[in-house]
Amino acid sequence: MEINFTPITSVGEFGLIEKFNSLASRFANPKVLQTIGDDAAVLRPTPGNLSVITTDILIQNVHFDSSYTSMRHLGQKAAAANLSDIAAMSAVPTAAFISLGIHSNVSVEMIEEFYDSFTAELGKFGCVVAGGDTSASPVGLVVNVAVTGEVEPERLATRSGAIAGDVVCVTGDLGRSHAGLMVLQREKKRYVEAGQPPDFTPGFEGYDSVLQKHLLPEPRVELSRSISEKIRVHSMIDISDGLISDMLHLCKSSGVAASLDEEFIPIDPVTRRTAKEFNEEPLAYALRGGEDYELLFTIAENDFPKLFSLEGYIRPIGRIEAGTPKVTVNRKDSPAEIYSDFISYQHFAKRK
């Protein structure tokens, strides 16, 4: 199959922006009055609501590997990562702003593929692209996204509201994205060690659920809104750094401790199988694996039965306790594990 490669230089910065605008204009939001084409965006917030803003950066060879991350996957994931932060505040996304640093090995067609999936993912939730910027990049592709949203004051969820006695809940299952990453990295290694043959076939059969979770995550925007409509959420965070690290973020912000039970932590069967293939413990994927983009939240015990009326997979995994911020994981067949510091990847930590 012939792959077209039109250099960015052939259309220029403003020609590229025109292509962005044509894709972005497929979606509209009455709260966004002015989008691409002026010096700044103009938003009309709902009277009485609070505004929330988040931003995230993705850098090639740091946050994503272009050898197994297509531009379509990258576009959706760039949107989903920010939408997940909006969901963690129980807010509704409104407008997005995207800045791209583009390397010369990226074509017009590649950027169009990225932008098509990026705007489509935002459009699912009524969020529109309202502005951004482009630049040449000498070090690879750089993607920076900011998303704004709004939420009613009484439904705002933060990390700092957990109290002793709360039930700790999660949506979905955990560790699946990390399992997908492990499979992708294994197959890339096989490809390189085989000499990068053109007829190489990666061993992806049977791993669809974990690969999709890693490459095409789904932000829980609608489920977050459903939860806060029925229940007063005391605290909430999205799981992007792994269950332990994000639980610690919540505990430190709230000044409490958490006790989690291994037997209640949801792990998908394919995640379990994948972990065992790598001679690793499935629970480690759930505790340490990042980019699941599920919701981790706490509610009062007497509100827990209300969750059963909601569509979506939600389950309790532990309780909030008084005490110094820490996370205790009660194991079925071994002593409890206690975490008082972060165990996820940290960008500026010293490497061994």
Protein backbone atom coordinates (compact mmCIF):
# COMPACT_ATOMS: atom_id res chain seq x y z
CA MET A 1 0.00 0.00 0.00
CA GLU A 2 1.39 3.39 -1.01
CA ILE A 3 1.71 5.85 1.86
CA ASN A 4 1.61 9.52 0.95
CA PHE A 5 4.15 11.78 2.67
CA THR A 6 3.53 15.46 2.12
CA PRO A 7 6.18 17.57 3.91
CA ILE A 8 4.83 20.17 6.32
CA THR A 9 6.93 22.74 4.44
CA SER A 10 4.72 22.27 1.36
CA VAL A 11 1.67 23.73 3.14
CA GLY A 12 3.36 25.91 5.75
CA GLU A 13 2.18 26.80 9.23
CA PHE A 14 -0.93 28.67 8.13
CA GLY A 15 -1.90 25.99 5.62
CA LEU A 16 -1.62 23.43 8.40
CA ILE A 17 -3.80 25.58 10.67
CA GLU A 18 -6.44 25.74 7.92
CA LYS A 19 -6.48 21.93 7.82
CA PHE A 20 -6.84 21.87 11.63
CA ASN A 21 -9.73 24.29 11.46
CA SER A 22 -11.60 22.27 8.83
CA LEU A 23 -11.48 19.20 11.09
CA ALA A 24 -12.24 21.10 14.29
CA SER A 25 -15.25 22.87 12.78
CA ARG A 26 -17.12 19.55 12.61
CA PHE A 27 -18.06 20.10 16.25
CA ALA A 28 -19.60 23.07 18.03
CA ASN A 29 -20.54 24.07 21.56
CA PRO A 30 -22.83 27.06 22.32
CA LYS A 31 -20.60 27.98 25.24
CA VAL A 32 -17.64 28.51 22.88
CA LEU A 33 -18.28 31.75 20.97
CA GLN A 34 -14.93 32.19 19.20
CA THR A 35 -12.52 29.40 18.31
CA ILE A 36 -9.58 29.13 15.90
CA GLY A 37 -9.07 32.24 13.81
CA ASP A 38 -8.71 35.00 16.37
CA ASP A 39 -6.07 36.02 18.92
CA ALA A 40 -7.92 34.27 21.74
CA ALA A 41 -10.92 32.05 22.29
CA VAL A 42 -14.14 33.42 23.77
CA LEU A 43 -16.13 31.24 26.17
CA ARG A 44 -19.50 31.87 27.80
CA PRO A 45 -19.61 29.97 31.13
CA THR A 46 -22.90 28.90 32.62
CA PRO A 47 -23.87 31.36 35.36
CA GLY A 48 -23.18 29.93 38.81
CA ASN A 49 -20.88 27.16 37.58
CA LEU A 50 -17.19 26.79 38.37
CA SER A 51 -14.54 26.63 35.64
CA VAL A 52 -11.94 23.83 35.67
CA ILE A 53 -8.80 23.72 33.55
CA THR A 54 -6.25 20.96 33.00
CA THR A 55 -3.19 20.55 30.80
CA ASP A 56 -1.00 17.66 29.78
CA ILE A 57 2.09 17.19 27.63
CA LEU A 58 3.13 14.20 25.52
CA ILE A 59 6.70 14.00 24.22
CA GLN A 60 7.89 11.44 21.70
CA ASN A 61 10.16 8.76 23.25
CA VAL A 62 9.13 9.89 26.74
CA HIS A 63 5.35 9.46 26.80
CA PHE A 64 4.84 7.48 23.59
CA ASP A 65 6.79 5.30 21.18
CA SER A 66 5.91 6.05 17.57
CA SER A 67 7.02 2.58 16.47
CA TYR A 68 3.80 1.11 17.90
CA THR A 69 1.66 4.20 18.54
CA SER A 70 -0.10 5.37 15.39
CA MET A 71 -1.08 8.99 14.94
CA ARG A 72 -4.72 7.94 15.22
CA HIS A 73 -4.04 6.31 18.57
CA LEU A 74 -1.96 9.25 19.75
CA GLY A 75 -4.66 11.74 18.85
CA GLN A 76 -7.34 9.94 20.82
CA LYS A 77 -5.05 9.33 23.77
CA ALA A 78 -3.98 12.99 23.92
CA ALA A 79 -7.64 13.96 24.17
CA ALA A 80 -8.56 11.15 26.58
CA ALA A 81 -5.79 11.95 29.08
CA ASN A 82 -7.09 15.49 29.51
CA LEU A 83 -10.76 14.52 29.44
CA SER A 84 -10.02 12.04 32.22
CA ASP A 85 -8.72 14.88 34.41
CA ILE A 86 -11.93 16.80 33.74
CA ALA A 87 -13.93 13.69 34.65
CA ALA A 88 -12.00 13.43 37.93
CA MET A 89 -13.49 16.80 38.93
CA SER A 90 -16.96 15.58 37.90
CA ALA A 91 -17.00 18.38 35.33
CA VAL A 92 -18.26 18.70 31.76
CA PRO A 93 -15.56 19.45 29.14
CA THR A 94 -16.11 22.56 27.04
CA ALA A 95 -13.08 23.65 25.03
CA ALA A 96 -9.63 22.32 24.18
CA PHE A 97 -6.41 24.03 23.15
CA ILE A 98 -3.62 22.12 21.43
CA SER A 99 -0.04 23.09 20.65
CA LEU A 100 2.14 20.88 18.47
CA GLY A 101 5.90 20.78 18.06
CA ILE A 102 6.34 18.99 14.73
CA HIS A 103 9.53 17.26 13.55
CA SER A 104 10.47 17.16 9.88
CA ASN A 105 9.86 13.38 9.75
CA VAL A 106 6.14 14.00 10.35
CA SER A 107 3.98 14.50 7.26
CA VAL A 108 0.83 16.50 6.62
CA GLU A 109 -1.10 13.23 6.33
CA MET A 110 0.16 12.09 9.75
CA ILE A 111 -0.90 15.34 11.40
CA GLU A 112 -4.31 15.15 9.74
CA GLU A 113 -4.76 11.59 11.06
CA PHE A 114 -3.78 12.77 14.54
CA TYR A 115 -6.08 15.76 14.43
CA ASP A 116 -9.02 13.80 13.06
CA SER A 117 -8.99 11.35 15.99
CA PHE A 118 -8.18 14.10 18.51
CA THR A 119 -11.17 16.24 17.55
CA ALA A 120 -13.47 13.23 17.22
CA GLU A 121 -12.66 12.06 20.77
CA LEU A 122 -13.35 15.53 22.14
CA GLY A 123 -16.54 15.77 20.08
CA LYS A 124 -18.00 12.69 21.79
CA PHE A 125 -18.39 14.84 24.89
CA GLY A 126 -19.35 18.13 23.27
CA CYS A 127 -15.86 19.57 23.65
CA VAL A 128 -14.47 21.66 20.80
CA VAL A 129 -11.00 22.81 19.82
CA ALA A 130 -10.88 26.54 20.49
CA GLY A 131 -7.25 27.35 19.74
CA GLY A 132 -3.62 26.37 19.98
CA ASP A 133 -0.25 26.81 18.29
CA THR A 134 2.26 25.03 16.06
CA SER A 135 6.03 25.07 15.90
CA ALA A 136 8.89 23.19 14.34
CA SER A 137 10.54 20.74 16.72
CA PRO A 138 14.14 19.47 16.39
CA VAL A 139 13.67 16.61 18.88
CA GLY A 140 10.52 14.77 17.77
CA LEU A 141 6.79 15.28 18.09
CA VAL A 142 5.58 17.28 21.10
CA VAL A 143 1.88 17.50 21.96
CA ASN A 144 0.57 19.88 24.60
CA VAL A 145 -3.16 19.96 25.34
CA ALA A 146 -5.26 22.05 27.69
CA VAL A 147 -8.96 21.42 28.29
CA THR A 148 -11.46 23.64 30.07
CA GLY A 149 -14.73 22.52 31.61
CA GLU A 150 -17.34 23.54 34.11
CA VAL A 151 -19.11 22.01 37.06
CA GLU A 152 -21.86 22.94 39.50
CA PRO A 153 -20.29 23.91 42.87
CA GLU A 154 -22.20 21.21 44.72
CA ARG A 155 -20.93 18.50 42.35
CA LEU A 156 -17.27 19.51 42.28
CA ALA A 157 -15.02 16.60 43.27
CA THR A 158 -11.43 17.14 44.44
CA ARG A 159 -8.69 15.04 45.98
CA SER A 160 -8.98 16.69 49.36
CA GLY A 161 -12.41 15.64 50.68
CA ALA A 162 -11.90 12.05 51.85
CA ILE A 163 -12.82 11.39 55.48
CA ALA A 164 -12.37 8.43 57.80
CA GLY A 165 -15.08 5.84 57.24
CA ASP A 166 -15.46 6.53 53.53
CA VAL A 167 -15.72 3.62 51.12
CA VAL A 168 -13.00 3.63 48.44
CA CYS A 169 -14.39 2.77 44.98
CA VAL A 170 -12.99 2.33 41.48
CA THR A 171 -14.54 2.14 38.05
CA GLY A 172 -13.58 -0.54 35.54
CA ASP A 173 -10.59 -2.80 36.08
CA LEU A 174 -6.95 -1.97 36.77
CA GLY A 175 -3.59 -2.86 35.25
CA ARG A 176 -4.93 -3.55 31.76
CA SER A 177 -3.13 -0.63 30.13
CA HIS A 178 0.20 -1.75 31.59
CA ALA A 179 -0.42 -5.26 30.30
CA GLY A 180 -0.97 -3.80 26.83
CA LEU A 181 2.26 -1.81 27.09
CA MET A 182 4.20 -4.93 28.05
CA VAL A 183 2.89 -6.79 24.99
CA LEU A 184 3.73 -3.89 22.68
CA GLN A 185 7.25 -3.62 24.06
CA ARG A 186 7.79 -7.36 23.76
CA GLU A 187 6.71 -7.43 20.12
CA LYS A 188 8.85 -4.39 19.31
CA LYS A 189 11.85 -6.19 20.81
CA ARG A 190 11.10 -9.28 18.69
CA TYR A 191 10.85 -7.11 15.59
CA VAL A 192 14.19 -5.40 16.24
CA GLU A 193 15.96 -8.65 17.13
CA ALA A 194 14.62 -10.23 13.90
CA GLY A 195 16.28 -7.48 11.88
CA GLN A 196 13.08 -5.47 11.26
CA PRO A 197 11.83 -7.65 8.38
CA PRO A 198 9.04 -6.15 6.22
CA ASP A 199 6.91 -9.29 6.62
CA PHE A 200 7.09 -9.36 10.43
CA THR A 201 3.83 -10.34 12.12
CA PRO A 202 3.48 -9.23 15.77
CA GLY A 203 1.98 -11.69 18.21
CA PHE A 204 -1.07 -9.66 19.14
CA GLU A 205 -3.72 -12.38 18.89
CA GLY A 206 -5.64 -12.80 22.13
CA TYR A 207 -4.51 -9.45 23.53
CA ASP A 208 -7.14 -7.15 22.00
CA SER A 209 -8.58 -5.96 25.31
CA VAL A 210 -5.23 -4.96 26.83
CA LEU A 211 -3.91 -3.37 23.63
CA GLN A 212 -7.07 -1.31 23.20
CA LYS A 213 -6.93 -0.16 26.81
CA HIS A 214 -3.39 1.14 26.35
CA LEU A 215 -3.73 2.63 22.87
CA LEU A 216 -7.35 3.82 22.95
CA PRO A 217 -8.35 4.59 26.57
CA GLU A 218 -11.88 5.80 27.31
CA PRO A 219 -12.25 8.71 29.74
CA ARG A 220 -15.08 8.24 32.26
CA VAL A 221 -16.70 11.64 31.70
CA GLU A 222 -20.29 10.44 31.53
CA LEU A 223 -19.91 7.93 34.36
CA SER A 224 -18.38 10.60 36.60
CA ARG A 225 -21.35 12.86 35.96
CA SER A 226 -23.76 10.01 36.69
CA ILE A 227 -22.06 9.29 39.99
CA SER A 228 -22.12 12.90 41.18
CA GLU A 229 -25.75 13.26 40.12
CA LYS A 230 -26.83 10.47 42.48
CA ILE A 231 -24.22 10.66 45.24
CA ARG A 232 -22.19 13.24 47.10
CA VAL A 233 -18.63 12.31 46.14
CA HIS A 234 -16.21 13.18 48.95
CA SER A 235 -13.04 12.90 46.87
CA MET A 236 -12.00 11.75 43.42
CA ILE A 237 -8.94 11.31 41.20
CA ASP A 238 -8.34 9.57 37.89
CA ILE A 239 -5.94 6.64 37.83
CA SER A 240 -3.16 7.74 35.50
CA ASP A 241 -0.08 6.96 37.61
CA GLY A 242 -1.23 3.64 39.09
CA LEU A 243 -3.56 2.76 41.96
CA ILE A 244 -1.01 3.16 44.77
CA SER A 245 0.40 6.48 43.60
CA ASP A 246 -3.00 8.00 42.89
CA MET A 247 -4.44 6.68 46.15
CA LEU A 248 -1.50 8.33 47.92
CA HIS A 249 -2.18 11.60 46.10
CA LEU A 250 -5.74 11.48 47.43
CA CYS A 251 -4.64 10.50 50.96
CA LYS A 252 -2.00 13.21 51.17
CA SER A 253 -4.43 15.86 49.92
CA SER A 254 -7.08 14.74 52.42
CA GLY A 255 -4.77 14.02 55.36
CA VAL A 256 -5.99 10.43 55.77
CA ALA A 257 -4.89 6.84 55.26
CA ALA A 258 -6.42 4.12 53.08
CA SER A 259 -6.79 0.39 53.59
CA LEU A 260 -7.37 -1.64 50.41
CA ASP A 261 -8.21 -5.32 50.05
CA GLU A 262 -6.43 -7.39 47.40
CA GLU A 263 -9.43 -9.63 46.82
CA PHE A 264 -11.62 -6.66 45.81
CA ILE A 265 -9.19 -4.98 43.39
CA PRO A 266 -10.61 -5.68 39.89
CA ILE A 267 -8.20 -7.29 37.41
CA ASP A 268 -9.24 -8.43 33.94
CA PRO A 269 -8.54 -12.11 33.05
CA VAL A 270 -6.36 -11.12 30.08
CA THR A 271 -4.36 -8.83 32.36
CA ARG A 272 -3.83 -11.73 34.75
CA ARG A 273 -2.71 -14.02 31.95
CA THR A 274 -0.37 -11.40 30.49
CA ALA A 275 1.30 -10.72 33.83
CA LYS A 276 1.92 -14.42 34.38
CA GLU A 277 3.44 -14.72 30.90
CA PHE A 278 5.99 -12.12 32.00
CA ASN A 279 6.51 -13.98 35.31
CA GLU A 280 5.01 -11.07 37.20
CA GLU A 281 2.23 -10.79 39.75
CA PRO A 282 -1.10 -9.56 38.31
CA LEU A 283 -1.69 -7.45 41.41
CA ALA A 284 1.53 -5.52 40.69
CA TYR A 285 0.06 -4.42 37.35
CA ALA A 286 -3.05 -3.11 39.12
CA LEU A 287 -1.11 -1.36 41.89
CA ARG A 288 1.72 0.13 39.83
CA GLY A 289 0.55 0.22 36.21
CA GLY A 290 -0.40 3.62 34.86
CA GLU A 291 -2.68 5.07 32.21
CA ASP A 292 -5.83 3.12 33.06
CA TYR A 293 -7.76 6.41 33.26
CA GLU A 294 -10.36 4.91 35.57
CA LEU A 295 -11.88 6.84 38.47
CA LEU A 296 -10.84 6.36 42.09
CA PHE A 297 -13.25 7.99 44.53
CA THR A 298 -14.59 7.91 48.06
CA ILE A 299 -18.16 8.19 49.32
CA ALA A 300 -20.01 7.78 52.60
CA GLU A 301 -20.86 4.17 53.45
CA ASN A 302 -24.62 4.82 53.50
CA ASP A 303 -24.42 6.13 49.92
CA PHE A 304 -22.78 3.01 48.54
CA PRO A 305 -26.05 1.16 47.69
CA LYS A 306 -26.94 4.02 45.33
CA LEU A 307 -24.11 2.97 43.02
CA PHE A 308 -26.04 -0.14 42.01
CA SER A 309 -28.54 2.01 40.10
CA LEU A 310 -25.81 3.34 37.81
CA GLU A 311 -24.68 1.87 34.51
CA GLY A 312 -20.97 1.08 34.59
CA TYR A 313 -18.69 -1.29 36.44
CA ILE A 314 -18.00 0.15 39.91
CA ARG A 315 -16.81 -1.74 42.95
CA PRO A 316 -15.54 -1.01 46.48
CA ILE A 317 -11.90 -1.84 47.16
CA GLY A 318 -11.32 -0.54 50.67
CA ARG A 319 -11.87 2.16 53.27
CA ILE A 320 -10.49 5.50 54.36
CA GLU A 321 -8.99 5.58 57.85
CA ALA A 322 -7.73 8.28 60.17
CA GLY A 323 -3.97 8.57 60.42
CA THR A 324 -0.80 9.57 58.64
CA PRO A 325 -1.19 9.41 54.85
CA LYS A 326 -0.33 5.91 53.66
CA VAL A 327 -1.90 3.06 51.71
CA THR A 328 -2.16 -0.42 53.19
CA VAL A 329 -2.89 -3.32 50.83
CA ASN A 330 -4.25 -6.29 52.74
CA ARG A 331 -3.04 -9.45 51.01
CA LYS A 332 -4.88 -12.76 50.94
CA ASP A 333 -1.90 -15.08 51.43
CA SER A 334 0.89 -12.83 52.64
CA PRO A 335 1.51 -9.94 55.05
CA ALA A 336 -0.05 -6.57 54.31
CA GLU A 337 1.97 -4.16 52.19
CA ILE A 338 2.25 -0.55 53.35
CA TYR A 339 3.07 2.33 51.02
CA SER A 340 3.89 5.84 52.22
CA ASP A 341 5.71 7.06 49.12
CA PHE A 342 4.99 7.08 45.39
CA ILE A 343 6.00 4.05 43.34
CA SER A 344 5.04 5.18 39.83
CA TYR A 345 7.32 6.60 37.18
CA GLN A 346 8.53 10.11 38.03
CA HIS A 347 10.09 12.24 35.31
CA PHE A 348 12.85 13.88 37.35
CA ALA A 349 13.77 11.00 39.63
CA LYS A 350 17.36 9.77 39.53
CA ARG A 351 17.78 6.66 37.37
CA LYS A 352 19.94 3.76 38.40
